[in-house]
């Protein structure tokens, strides 16, 4: 049996405890952050098949009234607000119904008749890849995008339903001026999203042998292994902090290069992005700057390639993130 110097073991244990005291709080904070990131990733994975629906729902007015609460079998489904006289997009709306305009003054609602049974219960239905919500949301987006190709549009929330054309006219009267202002603000503008993504992950530390079943009292060898592990972990965390600081520096450089080309910018806070997303921002870009915006983004992407990151750009899209609309209240 190997003998050990009790005082040496005690000193080693004290050293281990000292290191652990300085590290464990940070390890716990990192573990909590990682748990949050994993929770976000899982949620994003579940929502990904219907991401269009989630995008359409963000910052949009609530549905005028739940479809199942409306009287009658047919309602008027609203896609967005356009200028009076906009050429109708060559597409069909929900349920294959033709799209049309309900106009008042300078503005018009882009609508289609809808069988209310088609929307019944969507507020409580589970989102799936091939589910009803994903299909309906995609149709909604297709109509909005087709109209956007012909002129400015203020998209309204997926699921906005009015009782009839008379209600649509009253809604237009109530919100005519702010909607006309929004249309003027987004004319000749498109939405782009920029995401800075990690392509190389920092490896996770692995526990040493015997970590799953630690002895009740540390030996000299156990103390040395534990001390080495904690020091290695401390070094790794310092490296991760440096990596994150470098990533933020790169993100700042990207945003500084792209911001002047946009009329408006909305940057998402880190806590609502995915675990592999360094930074994300959405831009409202004038048509005169869109080609330069995309070129600049791609040039930056090539510069970032050897740094373990890449730049993803999506657009042009209708201005979903830059028009809050105004609450559509069903007129009685």
C-alpha atoms as a PDB file:
ATOM      1  CA  UNK A   1       0.000   0.000   0.000  1.00  0.00           C
ATOM      2  CA  UNK A   2       1.364   3.400  -0.923  1.00  0.00           C
ATOM      3  CA  UNK A   3       1.931   5.744   2.012  1.00  0.00           C
ATOM      4  CA  UNK A   4       1.170   9.457   1.821  1.00  0.00           C
ATOM      5  CA  UNK A   5       2.362  12.487   3.778  1.00  0.00           C
ATOM      6  CA  UNK A   6      -0.791  13.796   5.509  1.00  0.00           C
ATOM      7  CA  UNK A   7       0.501  17.355   5.631  1.00  0.00           C
ATOM      8  CA  UNK A   8       1.357  17.262   1.931  1.00  0.00           C
ATOM      9  CA  UNK A   9      -2.092  15.944   1.095  1.00  0.00           C
ATOM     10  CA  UNK A  10      -3.650  18.651   3.256  1.00  0.00           C
ATOM     11  CA  UNK A  11      -1.632  21.374   1.526  1.00  0.00           C
ATOM     12  CA  UNK A  12      -2.600  19.997  -1.867  1.00  0.00           C
ATOM     13  CA  UNK A  13      -6.257  19.903  -0.884  1.00  0.00           C
ATOM     14  CA  UNK A  14      -6.073  23.502   0.315  1.00  0.00           C
ATOM     15  CA  UNK A  15      -4.493  24.573  -2.974  1.00  0.00           C
ATOM     16  CA  UNK A  16      -7.192  22.731  -4.886  1.00  0.00           C
ATOM     17  CA  UNK A  17      -9.896  24.410  -2.798  1.00  0.00           C
ATOM     18  CA  UNK A  18      -8.331  27.825  -3.414  1.00  0.00           C
ATOM     19  CA  UNK A  19      -8.337  27.347  -7.168  1.00  0.00           C
ATOM     20  CA  UNK A  20     -11.856  25.935  -7.119  1.00  0.00           C
ATOM     21  CA  UNK A  21     -13.101  28.922  -5.129  1.00  0.00           C
ATOM     22  CA  UNK A  22     -11.948  31.280  -7.855  1.00  0.00           C
ATOM     23  CA  UNK A  23     -13.199  29.131 -10.692  1.00  0.00           C
ATOM     24  CA  UNK A  24     -16.404  27.444  -9.564  1.00  0.00           C
ATOM     25  CA  UNK A  25     -18.532  30.600  -9.639  1.00  0.00           C
ATOM     26  CA  UNK A  26     -17.527  31.242 -13.234  1.00  0.00           C
ATOM     27  CA  UNK A  27     -17.992  27.555 -14.114  1.00  0.00           C
ATOM     28  CA  UNK A  28     -21.509  27.706 -12.664  1.00  0.00           C
ATOM     29  CA  UNK A  29     -22.306  30.890 -14.596  1.00  0.00           C
ATOM     30  CA  UNK A  30     -21.033  29.306 -17.794  1.00  0.00           C
ATOM     31  CA  UNK A  31     -23.028  26.139 -17.135  1.00  0.00           C
ATOM     32  CA  UNK A  32     -26.202  28.193 -16.688  1.00  0.00           C
ATOM     33  CA  UNK A  33     -25.469  30.132 -19.873  1.00  0.00           C
ATOM     34  CA  UNK A  34     -24.877  26.883 -21.764  1.00  0.00           C
ATOM     35  CA  UNK A  35     -28.165  25.492 -20.427  1.00  0.00           C
ATOM     36  CA  UNK A  36     -29.970  28.585 -21.669  1.00  0.00           C
ATOM     37  CA  UNK A  37     -28.309  28.269 -25.073  1.00  0.00           C
ATOM     38  CA  UNK A  38     -29.348  24.627 -25.330  1.00  0.00           C
ATOM     39  CA  UNK A  39     -32.914  25.543 -24.367  1.00  0.00           C
ATOM     40  CA  UNK A  40     -32.958  28.236 -27.052  1.00  0.00           C
ATOM     41  CA  UNK A  41     -31.538  25.820 -29.634  1.00  0.00           C
ATOM     42  CA  UNK A  42     -34.206  23.249 -28.816  1.00  0.00           C
ATOM     43  CA  UNK A  43     -36.960  25.844 -29.099  1.00  0.00           C
ATOM     44  CA  UNK A  44     -35.564  27.170 -32.379  1.00  0.00           C
ATOM     45  CA  UNK A  45     -35.426  23.626 -33.714  1.00  0.00           C
ATOM     46  CA  UNK A  46     -39.075  23.108 -32.892  1.00  0.00           C
ATOM     47  CA  UNK A  47     -40.089  26.431 -34.408  1.00  0.00           C
ATOM     48  CA  UNK A  48     -37.861  26.274 -37.490  1.00  0.00           C
ATOM     49  CA  UNK A  49     -40.482  24.625 -39.727  1.00  0.00           C
ATOM     50  CA  UNK A  50     -42.787  27.575 -39.109  1.00  0.00           C
ATOM     51  CA  UNK A  51     -40.239  30.367 -38.844  1.00  0.00           C
ATOM     52  CA  UNK A  52     -42.195  32.371 -41.398  1.00  0.00           C
ATOM     53  CA  UNK A  53     -45.179  32.342 -39.070  1.00  0.00           C
ATOM     54  CA  UNK A  54     -43.042  33.488 -36.168  1.00  0.00           C
ATOM     55  CA  UNK A  55     -41.586  36.312 -38.251  1.00  0.00           C
ATOM     56  CA  UNK A  56     -44.976  37.440 -39.437  1.00  0.00           C
ATOM     57  CA  UNK A  57     -46.301  37.491 -35.894  1.00  0.00           C
ATOM     58  CA  UNK A  58     -43.527  39.711 -34.518  1.00  0.00           C
ATOM     59  CA  UNK A  59     -44.544  43.340 -34.015  1.00  0.00           C
ATOM     60  CA  UNK A  60     -47.749  43.000 -35.968  1.00  0.00           C
ATOM     61  CA  UNK A  61     -51.256  44.022 -34.913  1.00  0.00           C
ATOM     62  CA  UNK A  62     -53.343  41.306 -33.339  1.00  0.00           C
ATOM     63  CA  UNK A  63     -56.032  39.598 -35.344  1.00  0.00           C
ATOM     64  CA  UNK A  64     -59.138  41.747 -35.419  1.00  0.00           C
ATOM     65  CA  UNK A  65     -61.146  38.939 -33.913  1.00  0.00           C
ATOM     66  CA  UNK A  66     -60.592  35.166 -33.631  1.00  0.00           C
ATOM     67  CA  UNK A  67     -61.889  33.538 -36.779  1.00  0.00           C
ATOM     68  CA  UNK A  68     -64.058  31.097 -34.872  1.00  0.00           C
ATOM     69  CA  UNK A  69     -65.761  34.007 -33.065  1.00  0.00           C
ATOM     70  CA  UNK A  70     -66.900  35.727 -36.267  1.00  0.00           C
ATOM     71  CA  UNK A  71     -70.441  35.167 -37.407  1.00  0.00           C
ATOM     72  CA  UNK A  72     -71.004  33.551 -40.775  1.00  0.00           C
ATOM     73  CA  UNK A  73     -68.899  31.132 -42.749  1.00  0.00           C
ATOM     74  CA  UNK A  74     -66.748  33.594 -44.714  1.00  0.00           C
ATOM     75  CA  UNK A  75     -64.573  36.472 -43.497  1.00  0.00           C
ATOM     76  CA  UNK A  76     -62.113  38.897 -45.055  1.00  0.00           C
ATOM     77  CA  UNK A  77     -58.473  37.931 -44.543  1.00  0.00           C
ATOM     78  CA  UNK A  78     -56.012  40.863 -44.545  1.00  0.00           C
ATOM     79  CA  UNK A  79     -52.397  40.531 -45.754  1.00  0.00           C
ATOM     80  CA  UNK A  80     -51.253  44.120 -45.543  1.00  0.00           C
ATOM     81  CA  UNK A  81     -51.727  47.762 -46.442  1.00  0.00           C
ATOM     82  CA  UNK A  82     -50.745  49.012 -49.902  1.00  0.00           C
ATOM     83  CA  UNK A  83     -51.239  52.140 -51.926  1.00  0.00           C
ATOM     84  CA  UNK A  84     -54.494  52.600 -53.767  1.00  0.00           C
ATOM     85  CA  UNK A  85     -54.082  51.448 -57.358  1.00  0.00           C
ATOM     86  CA  UNK A  86     -51.357  48.862 -56.704  1.00  0.00           C
ATOM     87  CA  UNK A  87     -51.474  46.258 -59.506  1.00  0.00           C
ATOM     88  CA  UNK A  88     -52.785  43.053 -57.987  1.00  0.00           C
ATOM     89  CA  UNK A  89     -50.178  40.312 -57.534  1.00  0.00           C
ATOM     90  CA  UNK A  90     -50.639  37.283 -59.731  1.00  0.00           C
ATOM     91  CA  UNK A  91     -51.204  34.785 -56.931  1.00  0.00           C
ATOM     92  CA  UNK A  92     -54.025  33.378 -54.873  1.00  0.00           C
ATOM     93  CA  UNK A  93     -54.603  33.762 -51.175  1.00  0.00           C
ATOM     94  CA  UNK A  94     -55.577  31.383 -48.400  1.00  0.00           C
ATOM     95  CA  UNK A  95     -57.725  28.511 -49.583  1.00  0.00           C
ATOM     96  CA  UNK A  96     -56.989  29.376 -53.229  1.00  0.00           C
ATOM     97  CA  UNK A  97     -59.205  32.478 -53.114  1.00  0.00           C
ATOM     98  CA  UNK A  98     -58.298  35.426 -55.385  1.00  0.00           C
ATOM     99  CA  UNK A  99     -56.674  38.456 -53.765  1.00  0.00           C
ATOM    100  CA  UNK A 100     -58.276  41.876 -54.159  1.00  0.00           C
ATOM    101  CA  UNK A 101     -58.152  45.413 -52.777  1.00  0.00           C
ATOM    102  CA  UNK A 102     -60.478  47.223 -50.410  1.00  0.00           C
ATOM    103  CA  UNK A 103     -59.605  50.906 -50.827  1.00  0.00           C
ATOM    104  CA  UNK A 104     -60.245  54.189 -49.063  1.00  0.00           C
ATOM    105  CA  UNK A 105     -58.366  57.363 -49.854  1.00  0.00           C
ATOM    106  CA  UNK A 106     -54.668  56.785 -50.611  1.00  0.00           C
ATOM    107  CA  UNK A 107     -54.480  53.394 -48.918  1.00  0.00           C
ATOM    108  CA  UNK A 108     -55.970  49.974 -49.544  1.00  0.00           C
ATOM    109  CA  UNK A 109     -56.087  46.661 -47.738  1.00  0.00           C
ATOM    110  CA  UNK A 110     -54.835  43.659 -49.678  1.00  0.00           C
ATOM    111  CA  UNK A 111     -57.363  40.951 -48.834  1.00  0.00           C
ATOM    112  CA  UNK A 112     -59.014  37.748 -49.915  1.00  0.00           C
ATOM    113  CA  UNK A 113     -62.202  36.075 -48.761  1.00  0.00           C
ATOM    114  CA  UNK A 114     -61.515  33.162 -46.437  1.00  0.00           C
ATOM    115  CA  UNK A 115     -63.545  30.222 -45.208  1.00  0.00           C
ATOM    116  CA  UNK A 116     -63.431  30.661 -41.440  1.00  0.00           C
ATOM    117  CA  UNK A 117     -63.204  26.916 -40.911  1.00  0.00           C
ATOM    118  CA  UNK A 118     -59.758  27.110 -42.534  1.00  0.00           C
ATOM    119  CA  UNK A 119     -58.464  29.191 -39.612  1.00  0.00           C
ATOM    120  CA  UNK A 120     -60.455  27.666 -36.782  1.00  0.00           C
ATOM    121  CA  UNK A 121     -58.218  26.605 -33.890  1.00  0.00           C
ATOM    122  CA  UNK A 122     -54.888  27.768 -35.348  1.00  0.00           C
ATOM    123  CA  UNK A 123     -54.082  29.671 -32.151  1.00  0.00           C
ATOM    124  CA  UNK A 124     -53.813  26.416 -30.192  1.00  0.00           C
ATOM    125  CA  UNK A 125     -52.464  24.098 -32.885  1.00  0.00           C
ATOM    126  CA  UNK A 126     -48.976  22.628 -32.635  1.00  0.00           C
ATOM    127  CA  UNK A 127     -46.463  23.941 -35.159  1.00  0.00           C
ATOM    128  CA  UNK A 128     -45.055  21.218 -37.410  1.00  0.00           C
ATOM    129  CA  UNK A 129     -43.150  21.053 -40.678  1.00  0.00           C
ATOM    130  CA  UNK A 130     -46.124  19.932 -42.724  1.00  0.00           C
ATOM    131  CA  UNK A 131     -48.846  21.308 -40.457  1.00  0.00           C
ATOM    132  CA  UNK A 132     -51.662  23.662 -41.276  1.00  0.00           C
ATOM    133  CA  UNK A 133     -50.076  26.714 -39.632  1.00  0.00           C
ATOM    134  CA  UNK A 134     -46.857  26.405 -41.642  1.00  0.00           C
ATOM    135  CA  UNK A 135     -48.796  26.073 -44.912  1.00  0.00           C
ATOM    136  CA  UNK A 136     -51.106  29.005 -44.141  1.00  0.00           C
ATOM    137  CA  UNK A 137     -48.223  31.203 -43.003  1.00  0.00           C
ATOM    138  CA  UNK A 138     -46.297  30.414 -46.179  1.00  0.00           C
ATOM    139  CA  UNK A 139     -49.298  31.411 -48.297  1.00  0.00           C
ATOM    140  CA  UNK A 140     -49.611  34.634 -46.306  1.00  0.00           C
ATOM    141  CA  UNK A 141     -45.939  35.401 -46.942  1.00  0.00           C
ATOM    142  CA  UNK A 142     -46.216  34.532 -50.635  1.00  0.00           C
ATOM    143  CA  UNK A 143     -49.012  37.096 -51.091  1.00  0.00           C
ATOM    144  CA  UNK A 144     -47.135  39.772 -49.132  1.00  0.00           C
ATOM    145  CA  UNK A 145     -43.933  39.118 -51.109  1.00  0.00           C
ATOM    146  CA  UNK A 146     -45.785  39.217 -54.448  1.00  0.00           C
ATOM    147  CA  UNK A 147     -47.356  42.556 -53.542  1.00  0.00           C
ATOM    148  CA  UNK A 148     -43.993  43.853 -52.296  1.00  0.00           C
ATOM    149  CA  UNK A 149     -42.528  43.146 -55.750  1.00  0.00           C
ATOM    150  CA  UNK A 150     -45.033  45.662 -57.159  1.00  0.00           C
ATOM    151  CA  UNK A 151     -44.842  48.407 -54.572  1.00  0.00           C
ATOM    152  CA  UNK A 152     -44.517  49.279 -50.872  1.00  0.00           C
ATOM    153  CA  UNK A 153     -46.525  47.269 -48.359  1.00  0.00           C
ATOM    154  CA  UNK A 154     -47.123  47.411 -44.608  1.00  0.00           C
ATOM    155  CA  UNK A 155     -47.481  43.695 -43.730  1.00  0.00           C
ATOM    156  CA  UNK A 156     -50.096  42.842 -41.146  1.00  0.00           C
ATOM    157  CA  UNK A 157     -49.995  39.940 -38.774  1.00  0.00           C
ATOM    158  CA  UNK A 158     -50.655  36.402 -39.918  1.00  0.00           C
ATOM    159  CA  UNK A 159     -54.235  35.584 -38.918  1.00  0.00           C
ATOM    160  CA  UNK A 160     -55.762  39.074 -39.240  1.00  0.00           C
ATOM    161  CA  UNK A 161     -59.423  38.579 -40.155  1.00  0.00           C
ATOM    162  CA  UNK A 162     -62.258  41.115 -40.526  1.00  0.00           C
ATOM    163  CA  UNK A 163     -65.950  40.503 -40.677  1.00  0.00           C
ATOM    164  CA  UNK A 164     -66.616  41.956 -44.132  1.00  0.00           C
ATOM    165  CA  UNK A 165     -65.652  44.709 -46.593  1.00  0.00           C
ATOM    166  CA  UNK A 166     -67.541  47.331 -44.594  1.00  0.00           C
ATOM    167  CA  UNK A 167     -65.395  46.523 -41.548  1.00  0.00           C
ATOM    168  CA  UNK A 168     -62.279  46.782 -43.745  1.00  0.00           C
ATOM    169  CA  UNK A 169     -63.311  50.251 -44.907  1.00  0.00           C
ATOM    170  CA  UNK A 170     -63.872  51.361 -41.311  1.00  0.00           C
ATOM    171  CA  UNK A 171     -60.434  50.031 -40.308  1.00  0.00           C
ATOM    172  CA  UNK A 172     -58.880  51.958 -43.188  1.00  0.00           C
ATOM    173  CA  UNK A 173     -60.641  55.120 -42.053  1.00  0.00           C
ATOM    174  CA  UNK A 174     -59.437  54.676 -38.462  1.00  0.00           C
ATOM    175  CA  UNK A 175     -55.778  54.134 -39.413  1.00  0.00           C
ATOM    176  CA  UNK A 176     -55.498  55.879 -42.762  1.00  0.00           C
ATOM    177  CA  UNK A 177     -52.949  58.579 -41.851  1.00  0.00           C
ATOM    178  CA  UNK A 178     -50.422  56.419 -39.949  1.00  0.00           C
ATOM    179  CA  UNK A 179     -50.594  53.721 -42.606  1.00  0.00           C
ATOM    180  CA  UNK A 180     -49.973  56.267 -45.378  1.00  0.00           C
ATOM    181  CA  UNK A 181     -46.965  57.537 -43.404  1.00  0.00           C
ATOM    182  CA  UNK A 182     -45.635  53.993 -43.024  1.00  0.00           C
ATOM    183  CA  UNK A 183     -46.041  53.355 -46.741  1.00  0.00           C
ATOM    184  CA  UNK A 184     -44.073  56.517 -47.509  1.00  0.00           C
ATOM    185  CA  UNK A 185     -41.343  55.521 -45.052  1.00  0.00           C
ATOM    186  CA  UNK A 186     -40.771  52.052 -46.560  1.00  0.00           C
ATOM    187  CA  UNK A 187     -41.154  53.015 -50.224  1.00  0.00           C
ATOM    188  CA  UNK A 188     -38.169  51.751 -52.251  1.00  0.00           C
ATOM    189  CA  UNK A 189     -36.781  49.981 -49.166  1.00  0.00           C
ATOM    190  CA  UNK A 190     -36.221  46.305 -48.445  1.00  0.00           C
ATOM    191  CA  UNK A 191     -35.348  44.322 -45.343  1.00  0.00           C
ATOM    192  CA  UNK A 192     -32.111  42.352 -45.028  1.00  0.00           C
ATOM    193  CA  UNK A 193     -30.878  40.261 -42.099  1.00  0.00           C
ATOM    194  CA  UNK A 194     -27.196  39.799 -41.319  1.00  0.00           C
ATOM    195  CA  UNK A 195     -26.025  36.996 -39.010  1.00  0.00           C
ATOM    196  CA  UNK A 196     -22.456  36.422 -37.880  1.00  0.00           C
ATOM    197  CA  UNK A 197     -22.081  32.684 -37.207  1.00  0.00           C
ATOM    198  CA  UNK A 198     -19.425  30.557 -35.551  1.00  0.00           C
ATOM    199  CA  UNK A 199     -18.027  27.796 -37.744  1.00  0.00           C
ATOM    200  CA  UNK A 200     -15.363  26.511 -35.296  1.00  0.00           C
ATOM    201  CA  UNK A 201     -16.421  25.664 -31.737  1.00  0.00           C
ATOM    202  CA  UNK A 202     -14.166  25.628 -28.730  1.00  0.00           C
ATOM    203  CA  UNK A 203     -13.788  22.054 -27.533  1.00  0.00           C
ATOM    204  CA  UNK A 204     -15.347  21.190 -24.198  1.00  0.00           C
ATOM    205  CA  UNK A 205     -13.090  19.934 -21.393  1.00  0.00           C
ATOM    206  CA  UNK A 206     -13.421  16.308 -20.442  1.00  0.00           C
ATOM    207  CA  UNK A 207     -13.192  15.035 -16.883  1.00  0.00           C
ATOM    208  CA  UNK A 208     -10.153  13.020 -15.889  1.00  0.00           C
ATOM    209  CA  UNK A 209     -10.222   9.327 -15.087  1.00  0.00           C
ATOM    210  CA  UNK A 210     -12.134   8.487 -11.981  1.00  0.00           C
ATOM    211  CA  UNK A 211     -14.169  11.737 -12.020  1.00  0.00           C
ATOM    212  CA  UNK A 212     -17.434   9.817 -12.051  1.00  0.00           C
ATOM    213  CA  UNK A 213     -16.535   8.022  -8.797  1.00  0.00           C
ATOM    214  CA  UNK A 214     -14.265  10.329  -6.737  1.00  0.00           C
ATOM    215  CA  UNK A 215     -12.703   8.896  -3.602  1.00  0.00           C
ATOM    216  CA  UNK A 216     -14.054   9.984  -0.239  1.00  0.00           C
ATOM    217  CA  UNK A 217     -10.667  11.441   0.750  1.00  0.00           C
ATOM    218  CA  UNK A 218      -8.227  12.887  -1.817  1.00  0.00           C
ATOM    219  CA  UNK A 219      -4.812  11.321  -2.219  1.00  0.00           C
ATOM    220  CA  UNK A 220      -1.770  13.191  -3.420  1.00  0.00           C
ATOM    221  CA  UNK A 221      -2.318  11.949  -6.968  1.00  0.00           C
ATOM    222  CA  UNK A 222      -6.016  12.927  -6.845  1.00  0.00           C
ATOM    223  CA  UNK A 223      -5.110  16.399  -5.629  1.00  0.00           C
ATOM    224  CA  UNK A 224      -2.573  16.884  -8.413  1.00  0.00           C
ATOM    225  CA  UNK A 225      -5.051  15.695 -11.028  1.00  0.00           C
ATOM    226  CA  UNK A 226      -7.799  17.948  -9.652  1.00  0.00           C
ATOM    227  CA  UNK A 227      -5.470  20.938  -9.519  1.00  0.00           C
ATOM    228  CA  UNK A 228      -4.332  20.317 -13.085  1.00  0.00           C
ATOM    229  CA  UNK A 229      -7.926  19.960 -14.259  1.00  0.00           C
ATOM    230  CA  UNK A 230      -9.074  23.211 -12.640  1.00  0.00           C
ATOM    231  CA  UNK A 231      -6.065  25.124 -13.965  1.00  0.00           C
ATOM    232  CA  UNK A 232      -6.727  23.765 -17.457  1.00  0.00           C
ATOM    233  CA  UNK A 233     -10.387  24.722 -17.133  1.00  0.00           C
ATOM    234  CA  UNK A 234      -9.444  28.197 -15.966  1.00  0.00           C
ATOM    235  CA  UNK A 235      -7.114  28.566 -18.957  1.00  0.00           C
ATOM    236  CA  UNK A 236      -9.822  27.359 -21.327  1.00  0.00           C
ATOM    237  CA  UNK A 237     -12.363  29.831 -19.943  1.00  0.00           C
ATOM    238  CA  UNK A 238      -9.856  32.672 -20.351  1.00  0.00           C
ATOM    239  CA  UNK A 239      -9.386  31.585 -23.972  1.00  0.00           C
ATOM    240  CA  UNK A 240     -13.158  31.566 -24.490  1.00  0.00           C
ATOM    241  CA  UNK A 241     -13.407  35.077 -23.062  1.00  0.00           C
ATOM    242  CA  UNK A 242     -10.735  36.247 -25.489  1.00  0.00           C
ATOM    243  CA  UNK A 243     -12.576  34.537 -28.357  1.00  0.00           C
ATOM    244  CA  UNK A 244     -15.831  36.263 -27.457  1.00  0.00           C
ATOM    245  CA  UNK A 245     -14.076  39.627 -27.232  1.00  0.00           C
ATOM    246  CA  UNK A 246     -12.562  39.030 -30.686  1.00  0.00           C
ATOM    247  CA  UNK A 247     -15.989  38.051 -32.052  1.00  0.00           C
ATOM    248  CA  UNK A 248     -17.550  41.223 -30.694  1.00  0.00           C
ATOM    249  CA  UNK A 249     -14.783  43.267 -32.277  1.00  0.00           C
ATOM    250  CA  UNK A 250     -15.483  41.653 -35.650  1.00  0.00           C
ATOM    251  CA  UNK A 251     -19.251  42.151 -35.237  1.00  0.00           C
ATOM    252  CA  UNK A 252     -18.714  45.829 -34.448  1.00  0.00           C
ATOM    253  CA  UNK A 253     -16.594  46.219 -37.575  1.00  0.00           C
ATOM    254  CA  UNK A 254     -19.279  44.600 -39.707  1.00  0.00           C
ATOM    255  CA  UNK A 255     -22.087  46.730 -38.316  1.00  0.00           C
ATOM    256  CA  UNK A 256     -20.019  49.892 -38.688  1.00  0.00           C
ATOM    257  CA  UNK A 257     -19.462  49.040 -42.359  1.00  0.00           C
ATOM    258  CA  UNK A 258     -23.118  48.236 -43.105  1.00  0.00           C
ATOM    259  CA  UNK A 259     -24.993  50.713 -40.913  1.00  0.00           C
ATOM    260  CA  UNK A 260     -24.372  53.776 -43.139  1.00  0.00           C
ATOM    261  CA  UNK A 261     -26.003  51.957 -46.085  1.00  0.00           C
ATOM    262  CA  UNK A 262     -29.299  51.445 -44.236  1.00  0.00           C
ATOM    263  CA  UNK A 263     -32.135  53.798 -43.383  1.00  0.00           C
ATOM    264  CA  UNK A 264     -32.871  51.909 -40.155  1.00  0.00           C
ATOM    265  CA  UNK A 265     -31.173  49.134 -38.175  1.00  0.00           C
ATOM    266  CA  UNK A 266     -32.543  46.747 -35.550  1.00  0.00           C
ATOM    267  CA  UNK A 267     -29.940  44.633 -33.738  1.00  0.00           C
ATOM    268  CA  UNK A 268     -31.111  41.565 -31.832  1.00  0.00           C
ATOM    269  CA  UNK A 269     -29.696  41.215 -28.313  1.00  0.00           C
ATOM    270  CA  UNK A 270     -27.363  38.211 -27.780  1.00  0.00           C
ATOM    271  CA  UNK A 271     -29.715  36.504 -25.339  1.00  0.00           C
ATOM    272  CA  UNK A 272     -32.341  35.911 -28.047  1.00  0.00           C
ATOM    273  CA  UNK A 273     -30.014  34.582 -30.752  1.00  0.00           C
ATOM    274  CA  UNK A 274     -28.909  30.958 -31.169  1.00  0.00           C
ATOM    275  CA  UNK A 275     -25.855  29.451 -29.491  1.00  0.00           C
ATOM    276  CA  UNK A 276     -23.781  29.653 -32.684  1.00  0.00           C
ATOM    277  CA  UNK A 277     -24.871  33.202 -33.537  1.00  0.00           C
ATOM    278  CA  UNK A 278     -22.253  35.809 -32.615  1.00  0.00           C
ATOM    279  CA  UNK A 279     -24.437  38.749 -33.621  1.00  0.00           C
ATOM    280  CA  UNK A 280     -27.532  39.470 -35.683  1.00  0.00           C
ATOM    281  CA  UNK A 281     -29.026  42.646 -37.115  1.00  0.00           C
ATOM    282  CA  UNK A 282     -31.848  43.532 -39.491  1.00  0.00           C
ATOM    283  CA  UNK A 283     -31.551  46.431 -41.910  1.00  0.00           C
ATOM    284  CA  UNK A 284     -34.023  48.544 -43.861  1.00  0.00           C
ATOM    285  CA  UNK A 285     -32.019  49.315 -46.989  1.00  0.00           C
ATOM    286  CA  UNK A 286     -32.954  51.852 -49.710  1.00  0.00           C
ATOM    287  CA  UNK A 287     -33.032  50.416 -53.233  1.00  0.00           C
ATOM    288  CA  UNK A 288     -30.182  52.736 -54.262  1.00  0.00           C
ATOM    289  CA  UNK A 289     -27.880  51.080 -51.693  1.00  0.00           C
ATOM    290  CA  UNK A 290     -29.002  47.477 -51.881  1.00  0.00           C
ATOM    291  CA  UNK A 291     -26.415  46.300 -54.407  1.00  0.00           C
ATOM    292  CA  UNK A 292     -23.618  47.971 -52.439  1.00  0.00           C
ATOM    293  CA  UNK A 293     -25.023  46.550 -49.199  1.00  0.00           C
ATOM    294  CA  UNK A 294     -24.952  42.968 -50.508  1.00  0.00           C
ATOM    295  CA  UNK A 295     -21.505  43.417 -52.078  1.00  0.00           C
ATOM    296  CA  UNK A 296     -20.084  44.848 -48.868  1.00  0.00           C
ATOM    297  CA  UNK A 297     -21.581  41.995 -46.857  1.00  0.00           C
ATOM    298  CA  UNK A 298     -20.074  39.364 -49.190  1.00  0.00           C
ATOM    299  CA  UNK A 299     -16.657  41.095 -49.124  1.00  0.00           C
ATOM    300  CA  UNK A 300     -16.729  41.005 -45.337  1.00  0.00           C
ATOM    301  CA  UNK A 301     -17.712  37.338 -45.493  1.00  0.00           C
ATOM    302  CA  UNK A 302     -14.514  36.501 -47.417  1.00  0.00           C
ATOM    303  CA  UNK A 303     -12.415  38.455 -44.930  1.00  0.00           C
ATOM    304  CA  UNK A 304     -13.947  36.548 -42.010  1.00  0.00           C
ATOM    305  CA  UNK A 305     -13.545  33.053 -43.471  1.00  0.00           C
ATOM    306  CA  UNK A 306     -10.166  32.214 -41.845  1.00  0.00           C
ATOM    307  CA  UNK A 307     -11.329  33.458 -38.418  1.00  0.00           C
ATOM    308  CA  UNK A 308     -13.740  30.604 -37.671  1.00  0.00           C
ATOM    309  CA  UNK A 309     -16.802  32.683 -38.514  1.00  0.00           C
ATOM    310  CA  UNK A 310     -19.025  33.261 -41.483  1.00  0.00           C
ATOM    311  CA  UNK A 311     -21.563  35.874 -42.493  1.00  0.00           C
ATOM    312  CA  UNK A 312     -25.080  34.861 -43.556  1.00  0.00           C
ATOM    313  CA  UNK A 313     -27.247  37.369 -45.383  1.00  0.00           C
ATOM    314  CA  UNK A 314     -30.942  37.017 -46.243  1.00  0.00           C
ATOM    315  CA  UNK A 315     -33.182  39.331 -48.226  1.00  0.00           C
ATOM    316  CA  UNK A 316     -34.567  41.348 -49.820  1.00  0.00           C
ATOM    317  CA  UNK A 317     -37.782  40.906 -47.822  1.00  0.00           C
ATOM    318  CA  UNK A 318     -40.867  43.017 -47.195  1.00  0.00           C
ATOM    319  CA  UNK A 319     -40.296  45.322 -44.202  1.00  0.00           C
ATOM    320  CA  UNK A 320     -41.656  42.936 -41.552  1.00  0.00           C
ATOM    321  CA  UNK A 321     -39.384  44.254 -38.800  1.00  0.00           C
ATOM    322  CA  UNK A 322     -39.806  47.967 -39.475  1.00  0.00           C
ATOM    323  CA  UNK A 323     -43.556  48.515 -39.578  1.00  0.00           C
ATOM    324  CA  UNK A 324     -45.430  47.849 -36.394  1.00  0.00           C
ATOM    325  CA  UNK A 325     -48.760  48.567 -38.060  1.00  0.00           C
ATOM    326  CA  UNK A 326     -51.585  49.759 -35.879  1.00  0.00           C
ATOM    327  CA  UNK A 327     -53.978  47.656 -33.888  1.00  0.00           C
ATOM    328  CA  UNK A 328     -56.759  46.452 -36.127  1.00  0.00           C
ATOM    329  CA  UNK A 329     -59.960  46.708 -34.132  1.00  0.00           C
ATOM    330  CA  UNK A 330     -63.047  45.121 -35.573  1.00  0.00           C
ATOM    331  CA  UNK A 331     -65.634  47.839 -36.146  1.00  0.00           C
ATOM    332  CA  UNK A 332     -69.094  46.899 -35.021  1.00  0.00           C
END
